Amino acid sequence: MTGSEESNAGARRLSVLLVEDDLFDFQGVKRALVSSPHITLVHAENLAQAVEAVQSEPFDCLILDWYLPDGDGEQFLSYAADAVPWTPTIIMTSGMEDLLTDSALALGAQDYILKGGFDAEGLQRSIEFAIARKHAERVRWNNLQVERMSFVNQIVAGVAHEINNPVAWIHSNIDLLRMQFEQDDVDVEEAIELCQECIEGVTRISSVVRVLRTYAEAGEKRMELYDVESLLDGVFREVRGLREWNVKSSIIKPQSLPRVLMDPNSFHKALFQIILNAFQAASTRAFDDDNCMLGFVEIELSIAERQLVLDVHDSGFGLDKEVASRIFEPFYSSQRTTNLGMGLAIARDVIMNHRGSIAVMRKSHLGGAWLQTKLPVM
């Protein structure tokens, strides 16, 4: 047995589904894979056959023609995202002008090839690359779930603390009032104070429940390709309109930005918390005793290394090491009397669910904090 034969014998067999209605293009792929005996090619002529095929057996990779008699690639990618989320897909098209490649990749495809523009080695490499990339994505997803479970455990512990405390003093106050009424010895001023404390406790519990609802809603994703620029502009106006901030602000962005695969509803919540946090920080230092200097917030959008980068700077007092290390923790806040400390925690969870990241950078050039968010774009 030759070295090549030994390598093929030891290679794991791969099952590839080709969804292509053109017989000539099917034969081209088949010929390219002749030299790869460890790859088994299954053919479907339309979307209906493709759906039937993936329902009946597992595949290591799917090769999909974008235009088919009964639909297009976007329909199948949407179906595959739910039915076979960990099966990689390669788009096959006759030319770049025939396909919004960025859209296809953003919708879940791992790679694309041009009809008649590939050889055996290139096609095999594309299949192997797609499988490896999807495997890496699955590993990242599993790690994310572990981290999210830790996050959920933190939330559960925080909820228990945030609710148990006011419940305890409500119970104590009511018990004290009951005793006073039983002894017919009610101190009206004290009773009013005890009732006010009970109201504050109920308000606190209501705030916790409201935050939990926000978190639950943020976890419900309806992914679509969306214009992040218009989303940012809307959130920016919304935050500025909350009150008079005594803060100057600006948005820096390139002339054109790609659409990003996201859930607009949950990402709106994340952006709102990030920008609101910056305005709140800048407003704490809005006026200087000597020259009445206004606070500043600067937001910059850019594209770097196939990622959308959002930098948010403020001119506040900045973050010390402890706050910076805990700023994304659930129910952590340096102002616990007015803030439940869930805003940035929810923002981080949403961003991670979008395969992105958020981090505290070094001190901003404005003197305060600098948060950087990254989202993948194709």
Protein backbone atom coordinates (compact mmCIF):
# COMPACT_ATOMS: atom_id res chain seq x y z
CA MET A 1 0.00 0.00 0.00
CA THR A 2 1.43 3.43 -0.95
CA GLY A 3 1.72 6.36 1.44
CA SER A 4 -1.16 8.09 -0.33
CA GLU A 5 -3.37 5.02 -0.04
CA GLU A 6 -2.51 4.65 3.65
CA SER A 7 -3.45 8.31 4.21
CA ASN A 8 -6.79 7.87 2.45
CA ALA A 9 -7.48 4.62 4.30
CA GLY A 10 -6.85 6.33 7.62
CA ALA A 11 -8.90 9.44 6.78
CA ARG A 12 -12.33 9.78 8.30
CA ARG A 13 -15.04 9.41 5.68
CA LEU A 14 -16.97 12.62 5.02
CA SER A 15 -20.51 12.85 3.71
CA VAL A 16 -21.18 15.93 1.57
CA LEU A 17 -24.59 17.02 0.25
CA LEU A 18 -24.54 19.01 -2.99
CA VAL A 19 -27.74 21.00 -3.68
CA GLU A 20 -27.52 21.85 -7.38
CA ASP A 21 -30.11 21.71 -10.17
CA ASP A 22 -27.63 22.06 -13.06
CA LEU A 23 -26.31 18.65 -14.15
CA PHE A 24 -23.15 20.16 -15.68
CA ASP A 25 -22.22 21.88 -12.39
CA PHE A 26 -23.01 18.70 -10.45
CA GLN A 27 -20.65 16.73 -12.68
CA GLY A 28 -17.95 19.39 -12.15
CA VAL A 29 -18.08 18.94 -8.39
CA LYS A 30 -18.23 15.17 -8.72
CA ARG A 31 -15.12 15.11 -10.93
CA ALA A 32 -13.26 17.36 -8.49
CA LEU A 33 -13.96 14.94 -5.65
CA VAL A 34 -12.95 11.78 -7.54
CA SER A 35 -9.45 12.09 -6.10
CA SER A 36 -10.92 12.18 -2.58
CA PRO A 37 -12.27 8.66 -1.91
CA HIS A 38 -12.87 9.56 1.73
CA ILE A 39 -15.61 12.00 0.59
CA THR A 40 -19.05 10.62 -0.28
CA LEU A 41 -21.12 12.97 -2.45
CA VAL A 42 -24.93 12.99 -2.22
CA HIS A 43 -26.93 15.00 -4.76
CA ALA A 44 -30.17 16.98 -4.31
CA GLU A 45 -31.65 18.91 -7.24
CA ASN A 46 -33.77 21.38 -5.27
CA LEU A 47 -34.54 22.67 -1.79
CA ALA A 48 -37.29 20.13 -1.16
CA GLN A 49 -34.89 17.25 -1.83
CA ALA A 50 -32.22 18.94 0.28
CA VAL A 51 -34.57 19.25 3.26
CA GLU A 52 -35.58 15.60 2.87
CA ALA A 53 -31.91 14.58 2.71
CA VAL A 54 -30.79 16.41 5.86
CA GLN A 55 -33.79 15.04 7.71
CA SER A 56 -32.90 11.46 6.81
CA GLU A 57 -29.13 11.41 7.45
CA PRO A 58 -26.33 13.55 8.91
CA PHE A 59 -23.86 15.34 6.64
CA ASP A 60 -20.42 16.72 7.38
CA CYS A 61 -20.83 19.56 4.90
CA LEU A 62 -23.40 21.10 2.56
CA ILE A 63 -22.59 22.70 -0.80
CA LEU A 64 -25.46 24.91 -1.90
CA ASP A 65 -26.24 26.60 -5.20
CA TRP A 66 -27.76 29.98 -4.35
CA TYR A 67 -30.46 29.90 -7.04
CA LEU A 68 -32.67 26.80 -7.24
CA PRO A 69 -36.00 25.99 -8.92
CA ASP A 70 -38.01 26.12 -5.69
CA GLY A 71 -36.22 28.84 -3.72
CA ASP A 72 -32.92 30.44 -2.91
CA GLY A 73 -29.97 29.96 -0.62
CA GLU A 74 -31.27 32.35 2.01
CA GLN A 75 -34.32 30.15 2.58
CA PHE A 76 -32.21 27.04 3.01
CA LEU A 77 -29.69 28.77 5.31
CA SER A 78 -32.57 29.89 7.52
CA TYR A 79 -33.87 26.32 7.61
CA ALA A 80 -30.42 24.84 8.24
CA ALA A 81 -29.73 27.27 11.09
CA ASP A 82 -32.55 25.59 13.04
CA ALA A 83 -32.49 22.03 11.66
CA VAL A 84 -28.72 21.36 11.40
CA PRO A 85 -27.01 24.30 13.14
CA TRP A 86 -23.61 22.59 13.34
CA THR A 87 -23.40 21.43 9.73
CA PRO A 88 -21.20 23.82 7.69
CA THR A 89 -22.47 25.22 4.39
CA ILE A 90 -20.51 26.33 1.33
CA ILE A 91 -22.27 28.59 -1.17
CA MET A 92 -21.68 27.91 -4.88
CA THR A 93 -22.41 30.71 -7.32
CA SER A 94 -21.63 31.58 -10.92
CA GLY A 95 -20.19 34.97 -9.98
CA MET A 96 -19.87 37.45 -7.16
CA GLU A 97 -22.43 39.69 -8.81
CA ASP A 98 -24.99 36.89 -8.48
CA LEU A 99 -24.82 36.78 -4.71
CA LEU A 100 -24.64 39.11 -1.76
CA THR A 101 -21.72 37.15 -0.40
CA ASP A 102 -21.53 39.16 2.79
CA SER A 103 -25.18 38.40 3.46
CA ALA A 104 -24.71 34.67 2.83
CA LEU A 105 -21.73 34.46 5.15
CA ALA A 106 -23.52 36.52 7.80
CA LEU A 107 -26.50 34.16 7.59
CA GLY A 108 -24.29 31.21 8.49
CA ALA A 109 -22.39 30.03 5.41
CA GLN A 110 -18.73 29.21 6.11
CA ASP A 111 -17.31 29.75 2.63
CA TYR A 112 -18.17 30.26 -1.04
CA ILE A 113 -16.82 28.92 -4.32
CA LEU A 114 -17.28 30.09 -7.90
CA LYS A 115 -18.67 27.67 -10.44
CA GLY A 116 -15.90 26.60 -12.77
CA GLY A 117 -13.40 28.49 -10.65
CA PHE A 118 -12.18 25.68 -8.44
CA ASP A 119 -9.99 22.62 -8.83
CA ALA A 120 -9.95 19.38 -6.83
CA GLU A 121 -7.45 20.66 -4.29
CA GLY A 122 -9.27 23.97 -3.84
CA LEU A 123 -12.66 22.30 -3.34
CA GLN A 124 -11.29 19.81 -0.82
CA ARG A 125 -9.56 22.61 1.05
CA SER A 126 -12.79 24.61 1.13
CA ILE A 127 -14.69 21.63 2.56
CA GLU A 128 -12.04 21.00 5.21
CA PHE A 129 -11.92 24.70 6.07
CA ALA A 130 -15.71 24.90 6.43
CA ILE A 131 -15.79 21.85 8.71
CA ALA A 132 -12.92 23.17 10.85
CA ARG A 133 -14.49 26.62 11.11
CA LYS A 134 -17.86 25.23 12.17
CA HIS A 135 -16.16 22.99 14.71
CA ALA A 136 -14.36 25.99 16.19
CA GLU A 137 -17.66 27.86 16.28
CA ARG A 138 -19.25 24.98 18.17
CA VAL A 139 -16.40 24.92 20.71
CA ARG A 140 -16.82 28.68 21.24
CA TRP A 141 -20.56 28.20 21.62
CA ASN A 142 -20.10 25.46 24.23
CA ASN A 143 -17.69 27.67 26.15
CA LEU A 144 -20.20 30.50 25.93
CA GLN A 145 -22.92 28.28 27.40
CA VAL A 146 -20.67 27.39 30.32
CA GLU A 147 -19.99 31.08 30.90
CA ARG A 148 -23.66 31.95 30.55
CA MET A 149 -24.57 29.29 33.11
CA SER A 150 -22.13 30.91 35.51
CA PHE A 151 -23.74 34.26 34.68
CA VAL A 152 -27.22 32.84 35.36
CA ASN A 153 -26.01 31.44 38.70
CA GLN A 154 -24.72 34.91 39.59
CA ILE A 155 -28.10 36.37 38.69
CA VAL A 156 -29.93 33.81 40.84
CA ALA A 157 -27.68 34.59 43.80
CA GLY A 158 -28.11 38.33 43.20
CA VAL A 159 -31.88 38.06 42.93
CA ALA A 160 -32.04 36.10 46.18
CA HIS A 161 -30.02 38.81 47.91
CA GLU A 162 -31.87 41.75 46.35
CA ILE A 163 -35.30 40.30 47.19
CA ASN A 164 -34.56 38.67 50.55
CA ASN A 165 -33.26 41.89 52.10
CA PRO A 166 -36.35 44.04 51.47
CA VAL A 167 -38.64 41.10 52.25
CA ALA A 168 -36.90 40.74 55.63
CA TRP A 169 -37.36 44.37 56.61
CA ILE A 170 -40.95 44.43 55.28
CA HIS A 171 -41.70 41.38 57.42
CA SER A 172 -40.02 42.99 60.45
CA ASN A 173 -41.86 46.29 59.99
CA ILE A 174 -45.26 44.66 59.58
CA ASP A 175 -44.61 42.49 62.63
CA LEU A 176 -43.72 45.60 64.67
CA LEU A 177 -46.85 47.39 63.48
CA ARG A 178 -48.96 44.35 64.35
CA MET A 179 -47.57 44.35 67.90
CA GLN A 180 -48.29 48.06 68.30
CA PHE A 181 -51.87 47.60 67.15
CA GLU A 182 -52.36 44.59 69.45
CA GLN A 183 -51.09 46.62 72.41
CA ASP A 184 -53.06 49.68 71.31
CA ASP A 185 -49.82 51.63 71.45
CA VAL A 186 -49.35 52.97 67.94
CA ASP A 187 -46.75 55.68 67.38
CA VAL A 188 -48.15 57.45 64.32
CA GLU A 189 -44.86 58.96 63.17
CA GLU A 190 -43.04 55.65 63.58
CA ALA A 191 -45.88 53.81 61.82
CA ILE A 192 -45.64 56.19 58.87
CA GLU A 193 -41.87 55.65 58.73
CA LEU A 194 -42.29 51.87 58.88
CA CYS A 195 -44.89 51.97 56.08
CA GLN A 196 -42.57 54.14 53.97
CA GLU A 197 -39.78 51.60 54.42
CA CYS A 198 -42.19 48.84 53.32
CA ILE A 199 -43.07 50.86 50.21
CA GLU A 200 -39.37 51.30 49.43
CA GLY A 201 -38.86 47.56 49.85
CA VAL A 202 -41.72 46.74 47.48
CA THR A 203 -40.33 49.26 44.97
CA ARG A 204 -36.95 47.58 45.18
CA ILE A 205 -38.46 44.16 44.55
CA SER A 206 -40.45 45.57 41.63
CA SER A 207 -37.22 46.96 40.15
CA VAL A 208 -35.55 43.55 40.42
CA VAL A 209 -38.48 41.89 38.65
CA ARG A 210 -38.43 44.54 35.91
CA VAL A 211 -34.70 44.00 35.35
CA LEU A 212 -35.20 40.24 35.16
CA ARG A 213 -37.90 40.72 32.55
CA THR A 214 -35.51 42.89 30.55
CA TYR A 215 -32.87 40.17 30.77
CA ALA A 216 -35.34 37.48 29.69
CA GLU A 217 -36.51 39.57 26.73
CA ALA A 218 -32.90 40.29 25.73
CA GLY A 219 -32.29 36.54 25.54
CA GLU A 220 -35.01 36.06 22.91
CA LYS A 221 -33.27 36.41 19.56
CA ARG A 222 -34.76 36.99 16.11
CA MET A 223 -31.65 37.31 14.00
CA GLU A 224 -31.62 39.41 10.85
CA LEU A 225 -29.19 41.50 8.84
CA TYR A 226 -29.61 44.97 10.25
CA ASP A 227 -28.22 48.46 9.76
CA VAL A 228 -26.22 49.05 12.95
CA GLU A 229 -25.69 52.72 12.05
CA SER A 230 -29.40 53.53 12.17
CA LEU A 231 -29.76 51.48 15.36
CA LEU A 232 -26.95 53.44 17.02
CA ASP A 233 -28.39 56.77 15.88
CA GLY A 234 -31.78 55.84 17.36
CA VAL A 235 -30.32 54.77 20.70
CA PHE A 236 -28.14 57.89 20.81
CA ARG A 237 -31.17 60.14 20.35
CA GLU A 238 -33.12 58.13 22.92
CA VAL A 239 -30.44 58.50 25.61
CA ARG A 240 -29.92 62.21 24.87
CA GLY A 241 -33.65 62.77 25.19
CA LEU A 242 -33.92 61.29 28.66
CA ARG A 243 -32.96 64.54 30.39
CA GLU A 244 -30.70 67.59 30.24
CA TRP A 245 -27.28 66.04 30.55
CA ASN A 246 -24.96 69.05 30.41
CA VAL A 247 -22.83 66.75 28.27
CA LYS A 248 -21.52 67.35 24.76
CA SER A 249 -21.45 64.28 22.54
CA SER A 250 -20.39 63.15 19.09
CA ILE A 251 -20.51 60.07 16.85
CA ILE A 252 -17.61 59.27 14.54
CA LYS A 253 -18.25 56.73 11.80
CA PRO A 254 -17.06 55.78 8.31
CA GLN A 255 -19.05 56.68 5.21
CA SER A 256 -20.46 53.18 4.83
CA LEU A 257 -20.92 50.26 7.20
CA PRO A 258 -21.97 46.67 6.47
CA ARG A 259 -25.19 45.31 7.87
CA VAL A 260 -24.66 43.03 10.86
CA LEU A 261 -26.48 39.80 11.74
CA MET A 262 -28.23 40.64 15.00
CA ASP A 263 -31.43 40.68 16.95
CA PRO A 264 -32.29 44.41 16.77
CA ASN A 265 -34.50 44.32 19.87
CA SER A 266 -31.96 42.82 22.27
CA PHE A 267 -29.01 44.67 20.75
CA HIS A 268 -30.93 47.93 21.14
CA LYS A 269 -31.10 47.19 24.88
CA ALA A 270 -27.36 46.50 25.01
CA LEU A 271 -26.43 49.69 23.14
CA PHE A 272 -28.80 51.71 25.31
CA GLN A 273 -27.11 50.54 28.50
CA ILE A 274 -23.58 51.14 27.17
CA ILE A 275 -24.33 54.68 25.96
CA LEU A 276 -26.47 55.55 29.01
CA ASN A 277 -23.58 54.44 31.23
CA ALA A 278 -21.23 56.83 29.37
CA PHE A 279 -23.62 59.79 29.68
CA GLN A 280 -24.15 59.11 33.38
CA ALA A 281 -20.39 58.94 33.96
CA ALA A 282 -19.72 62.14 31.99
CA SER A 283 -22.48 64.00 33.81
CA THR A 284 -20.91 63.28 37.21
CA ARG A 285 -18.04 65.50 36.11
CA ALA A 286 -20.06 67.84 33.91
CA PHE A 287 -18.99 71.04 35.62
CA ASP A 288 -15.61 72.06 36.94
CA ASP A 289 -15.61 74.58 39.81
CA ASP A 290 -13.13 76.80 38.00
CA ASN A 291 -14.30 76.92 34.40
CA CYS A 292 -17.69 75.13 34.31
CA MET A 293 -16.38 72.67 31.74
CA LEU A 294 -19.02 70.44 30.17
CA GLY A 295 -18.74 66.65 30.18
CA PHE A 296 -18.04 64.79 26.93
CA VAL A 297 -19.12 61.50 25.37
CA GLU A 298 -17.49 60.28 22.16
CA ILE A 299 -18.75 57.26 20.21
CA GLU A 300 -16.75 55.85 17.32
CA LEU A 301 -17.69 53.08 14.87
CA SER A 302 -15.04 51.41 12.72
CA ILE A 303 -14.26 48.18 10.90
CA ALA A 304 -11.10 46.23 11.75
CA GLU A 305 -10.16 42.61 11.02
CA ARG A 306 -13.69 41.63 9.90
CA GLN A 307 -15.16 43.08 13.08
CA LEU A 308 -17.40 46.03 13.77
CA VAL A 309 -15.74 48.01 16.58
CA LEU A 310 -17.72 50.38 18.81
CA ASP A 311 -15.60 52.58 21.08
CA VAL A 312 -17.44 54.59 23.74
CA HIS A 313 -15.43 57.23 25.64
CA ASP A 314 -16.55 59.48 28.48
CA SER A 315 -14.95 62.29 30.47
CA GLY A 316 -16.06 61.02 33.87
CA PHE A 317 -13.86 60.06 36.80
CA GLY A 318 -12.88 56.75 35.20
CA LEU A 319 -12.87 53.30 36.79
CA ASP A 320 -10.58 52.09 39.52
CA LYS A 321 -9.22 48.54 39.28
CA GLU A 322 -11.92 46.96 41.43
CA VAL A 323 -14.82 48.56 39.57
CA ALA A 324 -13.22 47.81 36.19
CA SER A 325 -12.83 44.13 37.12
CA ARG A 326 -16.46 43.82 38.28
CA ILE A 327 -18.33 46.27 36.05
CA PHE A 328 -20.06 43.50 34.05
CA GLU A 329 -21.08 41.45 37.09
CA PRO A 330 -24.84 41.12 37.73
CA PHE A 331 -26.10 43.31 40.59
CA TYR A 332 -22.74 45.01 41.06
CA SER A 333 -22.83 48.78 41.26
CA SER A 334 -20.84 51.50 42.99
CA GLN A 335 -24.19 53.30 43.50
CA ARG A 336 -26.39 50.54 44.89
CA THR A 337 -28.97 52.90 46.36
CA THR A 338 -30.02 54.12 42.90
CA ASN A 339 -28.74 51.43 40.57
CA LEU A 340 -29.35 47.68 40.55
CA GLY A 341 -26.13 47.15 38.60
CA MET A 342 -27.65 44.99 35.84
CA GLY A 343 -27.40 47.32 32.83
CA LEU A 344 -23.88 46.48 31.67
CA ALA A 345 -24.27 42.86 32.78
CA ILE A 346 -27.23 42.48 30.42
CA ALA A 347 -25.34 44.35 27.67
CA ARG A 348 -22.39 41.96 27.98
CA ASP A 349 -24.66 38.91 27.84
CA VAL A 350 -26.42 40.19 24.72
CA ILE A 351 -23.12 40.96 22.99
CA MET A 352 -21.67 37.54 23.82
CA ASN A 353 -24.84 35.96 22.42
CA HIS A 354 -24.05 37.81 19.20
CA ARG A 355 -20.57 36.19 19.15
CA GLY A 356 -19.08 39.53 20.12
CA SER A 357 -17.09 40.91 23.03
CA ILE A 358 -17.07 43.94 25.31
CA ALA A 359 -14.16 45.06 27.45
CA VAL A 360 -12.91 47.91 29.59
CA MET A 361 -9.90 49.43 27.82
CA ARG A 362 -7.19 51.64 29.25
CA LYS A 363 -8.16 55.14 30.36
CA SER A 364 -9.98 57.16 27.69
CA HIS A 365 -8.33 60.13 26.01
CA LEU A 366 -11.26 62.12 27.42
CA GLY A 367 -10.08 61.26 30.94
CA GLY A 368 -12.84 58.82 31.93
CA ALA A 369 -13.78 55.26 30.98
CA TRP A 370 -13.40 53.59 27.58
CA LEU A 371 -15.60 50.60 26.68
CA GLN A 372 -14.92 48.73 23.45
CA THR A 373 -17.47 46.40 21.84
CA LYS A 374 -16.68 44.13 18.89
CA LEU A 375 -19.10 42.25 16.64
CA PRO A 376 -18.14 39.87 13.82
CA VAL A 377 -18.96 40.96 10.27
CA MET A 378 -18.34 39.03 7.08
